[in-house]
Amino acid sequence: MTSSAWALLRLASPQLPIGGYSYSQGLELAVEQRLVHDPATARRWLADQLLLNLARFEAPLLLAHCRAAAAGDWSRLHELAALHRASRETRELHLESRQMGYSLQQLLDGLPELDGPTRERLAGIEEPGLALAWALAARAWGIAAEDALAAWLWGWLENQLAVLMKTLPLGQQAAQRLTSELLPSLEDARRLAEQLDEDAWGSAAFGLALASMAHERQYSRLFRS
């Protein structure tokens, strides 16, 4: 196994201490309202998020972050970070990106892998979003932009399945079956994100935004707002 493969596993690991496991991205509310209530409805919710939302905006935007960081194109990276920050449609999604980005910034700042330019950029950012910090982590660990995108998509799916195991509840075997069923959608999302021209970036995930806003006021919940 190459050193880059180890780095990729590290970036994709749910043990990466950035707190992704503590957010549901509206899925807890969808379970509460029984929009998601069994493996079939969970599969539809997750596949729709992958193909109609993430693949059309967040994933290509994150990939662009990673490519700019790898090339040391700092002005482009800051432009993309501003776009990512402006695209957080709800307070909950904004705080999630800010908290996870800050946690990853703190992690990277204490590691020896950062080169001088990356460390300088990281220190100069007051509130990095997750996409920006993820791109700098990929640069620091020598991970190709396309692989960093795959790691991010995989981490998103693992976190969503963890939400389902706590809220439906969904057993581990059922979660593994869902993983198998969703792998084609995961790959389709990755390919679409890599092929989509910047002029075509965009999604209108109204259901996700409404679920996120309602989740902020949900009476009883396991996941953070």
C-alpha atoms as a PDB file:
ATOM      1  CA  MET A   1       0.000   0.000   0.000  1.00  0.00           C
ATOM      2  CA  THR A   2       1.333   3.438  -0.902  1.00  0.00           C
ATOM      3  CA  SER A   3       1.596   6.347   1.513  1.00  0.00           C
ATOM      4  CA  SER A   4      -1.105   8.197  -0.452  1.00  0.00           C
ATOM      5  CA  ALA A   5      -3.486   5.286   0.096  1.00  0.00           C
ATOM      6  CA  TRP A   6      -2.907   5.479   3.847  1.00  0.00           C
ATOM      7  CA  ALA A   7      -3.536   9.229   3.698  1.00  0.00           C
ATOM      8  CA  LEU A   8      -6.777   8.686   1.788  1.00  0.00           C
ATOM      9  CA  LEU A   9      -8.025   6.203   4.385  1.00  0.00           C
ATOM     10  CA  ARG A  10      -7.160   8.723   7.068  1.00  0.00           C
ATOM     11  CA  LEU A  11      -9.118  11.498   5.387  1.00  0.00           C
ATOM     12  CA  ALA A  12     -12.145   9.264   4.748  1.00  0.00           C
ATOM     13  CA  SER A  13     -12.175   7.751   8.239  1.00  0.00           C
ATOM     14  CA  PRO A  14     -15.206   8.478  10.444  1.00  0.00           C
ATOM     15  CA  GLN A  15     -12.632   8.760  13.247  1.00  0.00           C
ATOM     16  CA  LEU A  16     -11.288  11.993  11.746  1.00  0.00           C
ATOM     17  CA  PRO A  17     -12.003  14.308  14.709  1.00  0.00           C
ATOM     18  CA  ILE A  18     -14.105  16.952  12.985  1.00  0.00           C
ATOM     19  CA  GLY A  19     -17.529  16.024  14.378  1.00  0.00           C
ATOM     20  CA  GLY A  20     -19.313  14.887  11.226  1.00  0.00           C
ATOM     21  CA  TYR A  21     -21.099  12.168  13.197  1.00  0.00           C
ATOM     22  CA  SER A  22     -22.943  14.801  15.265  1.00  0.00           C
ATOM     23  CA  TYR A  23     -24.968  16.250  12.354  1.00  0.00           C
ATOM     24  CA  SER A  24     -27.876  14.725  10.430  1.00  0.00           C
ATOM     25  CA  GLN A  25     -28.297  17.308   7.619  1.00  0.00           C
ATOM     26  CA  GLY A  26     -32.065  17.227   8.005  1.00  0.00           C
ATOM     27  CA  LEU A  27     -32.333  13.437   7.968  1.00  0.00           C
ATOM     28  CA  GLU A  28     -33.369  13.246  11.627  1.00  0.00           C
ATOM     29  CA  LEU A  29     -36.299  15.538  10.861  1.00  0.00           C
ATOM     30  CA  ALA A  30     -37.223  13.426   7.819  1.00  0.00           C
ATOM     31  CA  VAL A  31     -37.368  10.392  10.114  1.00  0.00           C
ATOM     32  CA  GLU A  32     -39.416  12.317  12.687  1.00  0.00           C
ATOM     33  CA  GLN A  33     -41.951  13.260   9.991  1.00  0.00           C
ATOM     34  CA  ARG A  34     -41.867   9.727   8.538  1.00  0.00           C
ATOM     35  CA  LEU A  35     -40.644  10.886   5.165  1.00  0.00           C
ATOM     36  CA  VAL A  36     -37.981   8.272   5.868  1.00  0.00           C
ATOM     37  CA  HIS A  37     -39.326   5.288   7.771  1.00  0.00           C
ATOM     38  CA  ASP A  38     -37.778   2.112   6.334  1.00  0.00           C
ATOM     39  CA  PRO A  39     -34.819   1.014   4.155  1.00  0.00           C
ATOM     40  CA  ALA A  40     -36.673   1.750   0.908  1.00  0.00           C
ATOM     41  CA  THR A  41     -37.525   5.354   1.815  1.00  0.00           C
ATOM     42  CA  ALA A  42     -34.034   5.818   3.265  1.00  0.00           C
ATOM     43  CA  ARG A  43     -32.506   4.642  -0.011  1.00  0.00           C
ATOM     44  CA  ARG A  44     -34.653   7.080  -1.990  1.00  0.00           C
ATOM     45  CA  TRP A  45     -33.790  10.001   0.311  1.00  0.00           C
ATOM     46  CA  LEU A  46     -30.044   9.312   0.163  1.00  0.00           C
ATOM     47  CA  ALA A  47     -29.954   8.623  -3.578  1.00  0.00           C
ATOM     48  CA  ASP A  48     -31.870  11.857  -4.250  1.00  0.00           C
ATOM     49  CA  GLN A  49     -29.447  13.811  -2.072  1.00  0.00           C
ATOM     50  CA  LEU A  50     -26.486  12.310  -3.904  1.00  0.00           C
ATOM     51  CA  LEU A  51     -27.705  12.745  -7.476  1.00  0.00           C
ATOM     52  CA  LEU A  52     -29.977  15.801  -7.315  1.00  0.00           C
ATOM     53  CA  ASN A  53     -28.089  17.858  -4.776  1.00  0.00           C
ATOM     54  CA  LEU A  54     -24.504  16.915  -3.921  1.00  0.00           C
ATOM     55  CA  ALA A  55     -23.432  15.832  -7.405  1.00  0.00           C
ATOM     56  CA  ARG A  56     -24.753  19.029  -8.988  1.00  0.00           C
ATOM     57  CA  PHE A  57     -23.286  21.620  -6.666  1.00  0.00           C
ATOM     58  CA  GLU A  58     -21.506  20.708  -3.430  1.00  0.00           C
ATOM     59  CA  ALA A  59     -19.387  17.922  -4.901  1.00  0.00           C
ATOM     60  CA  PRO A  60     -18.088  19.831  -7.953  1.00  0.00           C
ATOM     61  CA  LEU A  61     -17.514  22.859  -5.727  1.00  0.00           C
ATOM     62  CA  LEU A  62     -15.478  20.772  -3.279  1.00  0.00           C
ATOM     63  CA  LEU A  63     -13.525  19.241  -6.160  1.00  0.00           C
ATOM     64  CA  ALA A  64     -12.696  22.723  -7.417  1.00  0.00           C
ATOM     65  CA  HIS A  65     -11.470  23.633  -3.908  1.00  0.00           C
ATOM     66  CA  CYS A  66      -9.171  20.609  -3.930  1.00  0.00           C
ATOM     67  CA  ARG A  67      -7.808  21.362  -7.399  1.00  0.00           C
ATOM     68  CA  ALA A  68      -7.112  24.988  -6.499  1.00  0.00           C
ATOM     69  CA  ALA A  69      -5.353  23.997  -3.270  1.00  0.00           C
ATOM     70  CA  ALA A  70      -3.241  21.390  -5.036  1.00  0.00           C
ATOM     71  CA  ALA A  71      -2.170  23.983  -7.611  1.00  0.00           C
ATOM     72  CA  GLY A  72      -1.495  26.640  -4.968  1.00  0.00           C
ATOM     73  CA  ASP A  73      -4.035  28.940  -6.635  1.00  0.00           C
ATOM     74  CA  TRP A  74      -4.910  30.813  -3.460  1.00  0.00           C
ATOM     75  CA  SER A  75      -7.028  33.555  -5.015  1.00  0.00           C
ATOM     76  CA  ARG A  76      -9.192  30.940  -6.734  1.00  0.00           C
ATOM     77  CA  LEU A  77      -9.419  28.991  -3.472  1.00  0.00           C
ATOM     78  CA  HIS A  78     -10.668  32.029  -1.542  1.00  0.00           C
ATOM     79  CA  GLU A  79     -13.188  32.780  -4.285  1.00  0.00           C
ATOM     80  CA  LEU A  80     -14.540  29.245  -4.061  1.00  0.00           C
ATOM     81  CA  ALA A  81     -14.617  29.390  -0.257  1.00  0.00           C
ATOM     82  CA  ALA A  82     -16.751  32.536  -0.421  1.00  0.00           C
ATOM     83  CA  LEU A  83     -19.138  30.788  -2.811  1.00  0.00           C
ATOM     84  CA  HIS A  84     -19.365  27.782  -0.496  1.00  0.00           C
ATOM     85  CA  ARG A  85     -20.050  29.991   2.523  1.00  0.00           C
ATOM     86  CA  ALA A  86     -22.789  31.894   0.672  1.00  0.00           C
ATOM     87  CA  SER A  87     -24.433  28.636  -0.418  1.00  0.00           C
ATOM     88  CA  ARG A  88     -25.230  27.467   3.144  1.00  0.00           C
ATOM     89  CA  GLU A  89     -29.008  27.927   2.979  1.00  0.00           C
ATOM     90  CA  THR A  90     -29.796  27.576   6.671  1.00  0.00           C
ATOM     91  CA  ARG A  91     -28.198  28.584   9.949  1.00  0.00           C
ATOM     92  CA  GLU A  92     -27.779  24.904  10.788  1.00  0.00           C
ATOM     93  CA  LEU A  93     -25.885  24.094   7.577  1.00  0.00           C
ATOM     94  CA  HIS A  94     -23.714  27.190   7.998  1.00  0.00           C
ATOM     95  CA  LEU A  95     -22.784  26.299  11.577  1.00  0.00           C
ATOM     96  CA  GLU A  96     -22.079  22.693  10.592  1.00  0.00           C
ATOM     97  CA  SER A  97     -19.638  23.738   7.879  1.00  0.00           C
ATOM     98  CA  ARG A  98     -17.998  26.326  10.145  1.00  0.00           C
ATOM     99  CA  GLN A  99     -17.583  23.964  13.099  1.00  0.00           C
ATOM    100  CA  MET A 100     -16.230  21.067  11.032  1.00  0.00           C
ATOM    101  CA  GLY A 101     -13.923  23.384   9.090  1.00  0.00           C
ATOM    102  CA  TYR A 102     -12.601  24.894  12.321  1.00  0.00           C
ATOM    103  CA  SER A 103     -12.010  21.432  13.815  1.00  0.00           C
ATOM    104  CA  LEU A 104     -10.093  20.318  10.737  1.00  0.00           C
ATOM    105  CA  GLN A 105      -8.098  23.576  10.772  1.00  0.00           C
ATOM    106  CA  GLN A 106      -7.095  22.927  14.392  1.00  0.00           C
ATOM    107  CA  LEU A 107      -6.136  19.352  13.572  1.00  0.00           C
ATOM    108  CA  LEU A 108      -3.984  20.333  10.597  1.00  0.00           C
ATOM    109  CA  ASP A 109      -2.306  23.175  12.454  1.00  0.00           C
ATOM    110  CA  GLY A 110      -0.814  20.696  14.918  1.00  0.00           C
ATOM    111  CA  LEU A 111       0.544  18.294  12.290  1.00  0.00           C
ATOM    112  CA  PRO A 112       3.975  18.326  10.663  1.00  0.00           C
ATOM    113  CA  GLU A 113       2.761  17.611   7.111  1.00  0.00           C
ATOM    114  CA  LEU A 114       1.733  21.176   6.261  1.00  0.00           C
ATOM    115  CA  ASP A 115       4.091  22.972   3.913  1.00  0.00           C
ATOM    116  CA  GLY A 116       4.857  26.651   4.448  1.00  0.00           C
ATOM    117  CA  PRO A 117       2.327  28.131   2.004  1.00  0.00           C
ATOM    118  CA  THR A 118      -0.480  25.907   3.279  1.00  0.00           C
ATOM    119  CA  ARG A 119       0.282  26.693   6.917  1.00  0.00           C
ATOM    120  CA  GLU A 120       0.371  30.408   6.106  1.00  0.00           C
ATOM    121  CA  ARG A 121      -2.996  30.273   4.342  1.00  0.00           C
ATOM    122  CA  LEU A 122      -4.557  28.202   7.094  1.00  0.00           C
ATOM    123  CA  ALA A 123      -3.383  30.620   9.779  1.00  0.00           C
ATOM    124  CA  GLY A 124      -4.839  33.573   7.890  1.00  0.00           C
ATOM    125  CA  ILE A 125      -8.369  32.167   7.680  1.00  0.00           C
ATOM    126  CA  GLU A 126     -10.577  33.123  10.614  1.00  0.00           C
ATOM    127  CA  GLU A 127     -13.507  30.794   9.895  1.00  0.00           C
ATOM    128  CA  PRO A 128     -12.694  28.162   7.261  1.00  0.00           C
ATOM    129  CA  GLY A 129     -15.602  26.166   5.908  1.00  0.00           C
ATOM    130  CA  LEU A 130     -15.350  22.426   5.622  1.00  0.00           C
ATOM    131  CA  ALA A 131     -14.679  22.467   1.859  1.00  0.00           C
ATOM    132  CA  LEU A 132     -11.720  24.803   2.263  1.00  0.00           C
ATOM    133  CA  ALA A 133     -10.210  22.879   5.168  1.00  0.00           C
ATOM    134  CA  TRP A 134     -10.790  19.580   3.340  1.00  0.00           C
ATOM    135  CA  ALA A 135      -8.905  20.889   0.308  1.00  0.00           C
ATOM    136  CA  LEU A 136      -5.976  21.998   2.458  1.00  0.00           C
ATOM    137  CA  ALA A 137      -5.914  18.609   4.188  1.00  0.00           C
ATOM    138  CA  ALA A 138      -5.788  16.874   0.792  1.00  0.00           C
ATOM    139  CA  ARG A 139      -2.883  19.108  -0.247  1.00  0.00           C
ATOM    140  CA  ALA A 140      -1.038  18.515   3.022  1.00  0.00           C
ATOM    141  CA  TRP A 141      -1.413  14.744   2.768  1.00  0.00           C
ATOM    142  CA  GLY A 142      -0.655  14.498  -0.955  1.00  0.00           C
ATOM    143  CA  ILE A 143      -4.111  13.263  -1.929  1.00  0.00           C
ATOM    144  CA  ALA A 144      -5.274  13.835  -5.512  1.00  0.00           C
ATOM    145  CA  ALA A 145      -8.279  16.136  -5.838  1.00  0.00           C
ATOM    146  CA  GLU A 146     -10.463  13.422  -7.361  1.00  0.00           C
ATOM    147  CA  ASP A 147      -9.599  11.017  -4.541  1.00  0.00           C
ATOM    148  CA  ALA A 148     -10.337  13.700  -1.945  1.00  0.00           C
ATOM    149  CA  LEU A 149     -13.768  14.126  -3.518  1.00  0.00           C
ATOM    150  CA  ALA A 150     -14.402  10.368  -3.305  1.00  0.00           C
ATOM    151  CA  ALA A 151     -13.355  10.401   0.365  1.00  0.00           C
ATOM    152  CA  TRP A 152     -15.771  13.250   1.076  1.00  0.00           C
ATOM    153  CA  LEU A 153     -18.668  11.487  -0.641  1.00  0.00           C
ATOM    154  CA  TRP A 154     -17.912   8.266   1.233  1.00  0.00           C
ATOM    155  CA  GLY A 155     -17.756  10.111   4.552  1.00  0.00           C
ATOM    156  CA  TRP A 156     -21.083  11.785   3.808  1.00  0.00           C
ATOM    157  CA  LEU A 157     -22.738   8.428   3.125  1.00  0.00           C
ATOM    158  CA  GLU A 158     -21.259   6.802   6.235  1.00  0.00           C
ATOM    159  CA  ASN A 159     -22.491   9.650   8.422  1.00  0.00           C
ATOM    160  CA  GLN A 160     -25.992   9.482   6.940  1.00  0.00           C
ATOM    161  CA  LEU A 161     -26.140   5.738   7.530  1.00  0.00           C
ATOM    162  CA  ALA A 162     -25.015   6.301  11.117  1.00  0.00           C
ATOM    163  CA  VAL A 163     -27.948   8.713  11.531  1.00  0.00           C
ATOM    164  CA  LEU A 164     -30.342   6.054  10.261  1.00  0.00           C
ATOM    165  CA  MET A 165     -28.942   3.422  12.617  1.00  0.00           C
ATOM    166  CA  LYS A 166     -29.697   5.718  15.551  1.00  0.00           C
ATOM    167  CA  THR A 167     -33.078   7.081  14.475  1.00  0.00           C
ATOM    168  CA  LEU A 168     -35.060   4.462  12.536  1.00  0.00           C
ATOM    169  CA  PRO A 169     -33.432   2.323  14.005  1.00  0.00           C
ATOM    170  CA  LEU A 170     -31.577   0.552  11.202  1.00  0.00           C
ATOM    171  CA  GLY A 171     -29.458  -2.476  12.053  1.00  0.00           C
ATOM    172  CA  GLN A 172     -25.878  -2.872  10.912  1.00  0.00           C
ATOM    173  CA  GLN A 173     -26.710  -5.589   8.368  1.00  0.00           C
ATOM    174  CA  ALA A 174     -29.489  -3.469   6.877  1.00  0.00           C
ATOM    175  CA  ALA A 175     -27.084  -0.522   6.724  1.00  0.00           C
ATOM    176  CA  GLN A 176     -24.588  -2.655   4.812  1.00  0.00           C
ATOM    177  CA  ARG A 177     -27.309  -3.706   2.368  1.00  0.00           C
ATOM    178  CA  LEU A 178     -28.172  -0.041   1.868  1.00  0.00           C
ATOM    179  CA  THR A 179     -24.500   0.682   1.224  1.00  0.00           C
ATOM    180  CA  SER A 180     -24.406  -1.956  -1.501  1.00  0.00           C
ATOM    181  CA  GLU A 181     -27.562  -0.549  -3.075  1.00  0.00           C
ATOM    182  CA  LEU A 182     -26.250   3.027  -2.969  1.00  0.00           C
ATOM    183  CA  LEU A 183     -22.745   2.406  -4.299  1.00  0.00           C
ATOM    184  CA  PRO A 184     -23.878   2.885  -7.944  1.00  0.00           C
ATOM    185  CA  SER A 185     -25.448   6.232  -6.985  1.00  0.00           C
ATOM    186  CA  LEU A 186     -22.273   7.195  -5.142  1.00  0.00           C
ATOM    187  CA  GLU A 187     -20.199   6.460  -8.239  1.00  0.00           C
ATOM    188  CA  ASP A 188     -22.668   8.293 -10.490  1.00  0.00           C
ATOM    189  CA  ALA A 189     -22.444  11.315  -8.194  1.00  0.00           C
ATOM    190  CA  ARG A 190     -18.648  11.261  -8.315  1.00  0.00           C
ATOM    191  CA  ARG A 191     -18.589  11.044 -12.106  1.00  0.00           C
ATOM    192  CA  LEU A 192     -21.152  13.799 -12.560  1.00  0.00           C
ATOM    193  CA  ALA A 193     -19.263  16.094 -10.199  1.00  0.00           C
ATOM    194  CA  GLU A 194     -16.049  15.564 -12.157  1.00  0.00           C
ATOM    195  CA  GLN A 195     -17.698  16.192 -15.531  1.00  0.00           C
ATOM    196  CA  LEU A 196     -19.982  19.120 -14.708  1.00  0.00           C
ATOM    197  CA  ASP A 197     -18.943  22.480 -16.131  1.00  0.00           C
ATOM    198  CA  GLU A 198     -18.853  25.318 -13.635  1.00  0.00           C
ATOM    199  CA  ASP A 199     -21.586  27.145 -15.537  1.00  0.00           C
ATOM    200  CA  ALA A 200     -23.886  24.204 -14.814  1.00  0.00           C
ATOM    201  CA  TRP A 201     -23.270  24.050 -11.053  1.00  0.00           C
ATOM    202  CA  GLY A 202     -26.433  24.415  -9.034  1.00  0.00           C
ATOM    203  CA  SER A 203     -29.177  22.599  -7.201  1.00  0.00           C
ATOM    204  CA  ALA A 204     -32.490  23.535  -5.629  1.00  0.00           C
ATOM    205  CA  ALA A 205     -32.749  21.240  -2.629  1.00  0.00           C
ATOM    206  CA  PHE A 206     -35.837  22.856  -1.121  1.00  0.00           C
ATOM    207  CA  GLY A 207     -36.756  19.744   0.845  1.00  0.00           C
ATOM    208  CA  LEU A 208     -33.318  19.605   2.454  1.00  0.00           C
ATOM    209  CA  ALA A 209     -33.412  23.297   3.367  1.00  0.00           C
ATOM    210  CA  LEU A 210     -36.879  22.974   4.904  1.00  0.00           C
ATOM    211  CA  ALA A 211     -35.855  19.856   6.822  1.00  0.00           C
ATOM    212  CA  SER A 212     -32.762  21.621   8.123  1.00  0.00           C
ATOM    213  CA  MET A 213     -34.735  24.672   9.270  1.00  0.00           C
ATOM    214  CA  ALA A 214     -37.367  22.509  10.972  1.00  0.00           C
ATOM    215  CA  HIS A 215     -34.668  20.404  12.610  1.00  0.00           C
ATOM    216  CA  GLU A 216     -33.392  23.515  14.409  1.00  0.00           C
ATOM    217  CA  ARG A 217     -36.735  23.606  16.254  1.00  0.00           C
ATOM    218  CA  GLN A 218     -37.333  19.866  16.599  1.00  0.00           C
ATOM    219  CA  TYR A 219     -38.530  19.176  20.140  1.00  0.00           C
ATOM    220  CA  SER A 220     -36.438  16.073  20.799  1.00  0.00           C
ATOM    221  CA  ARG A 221     -33.329  15.287  18.780  1.00  0.00           C
ATOM    222  CA  LEU A 222     -30.064  13.400  18.891  1.00  0.00           C
ATOM    223  CA  PHE A 223     -28.107  15.521  16.405  1.00  0.00           C
ATOM    224  CA  ARG A 224     -26.776  19.054  16.571  1.00  0.00           C
ATOM    225  CA  SER A 225     -28.158  22.242  15.097  1.00  0.00           C
END
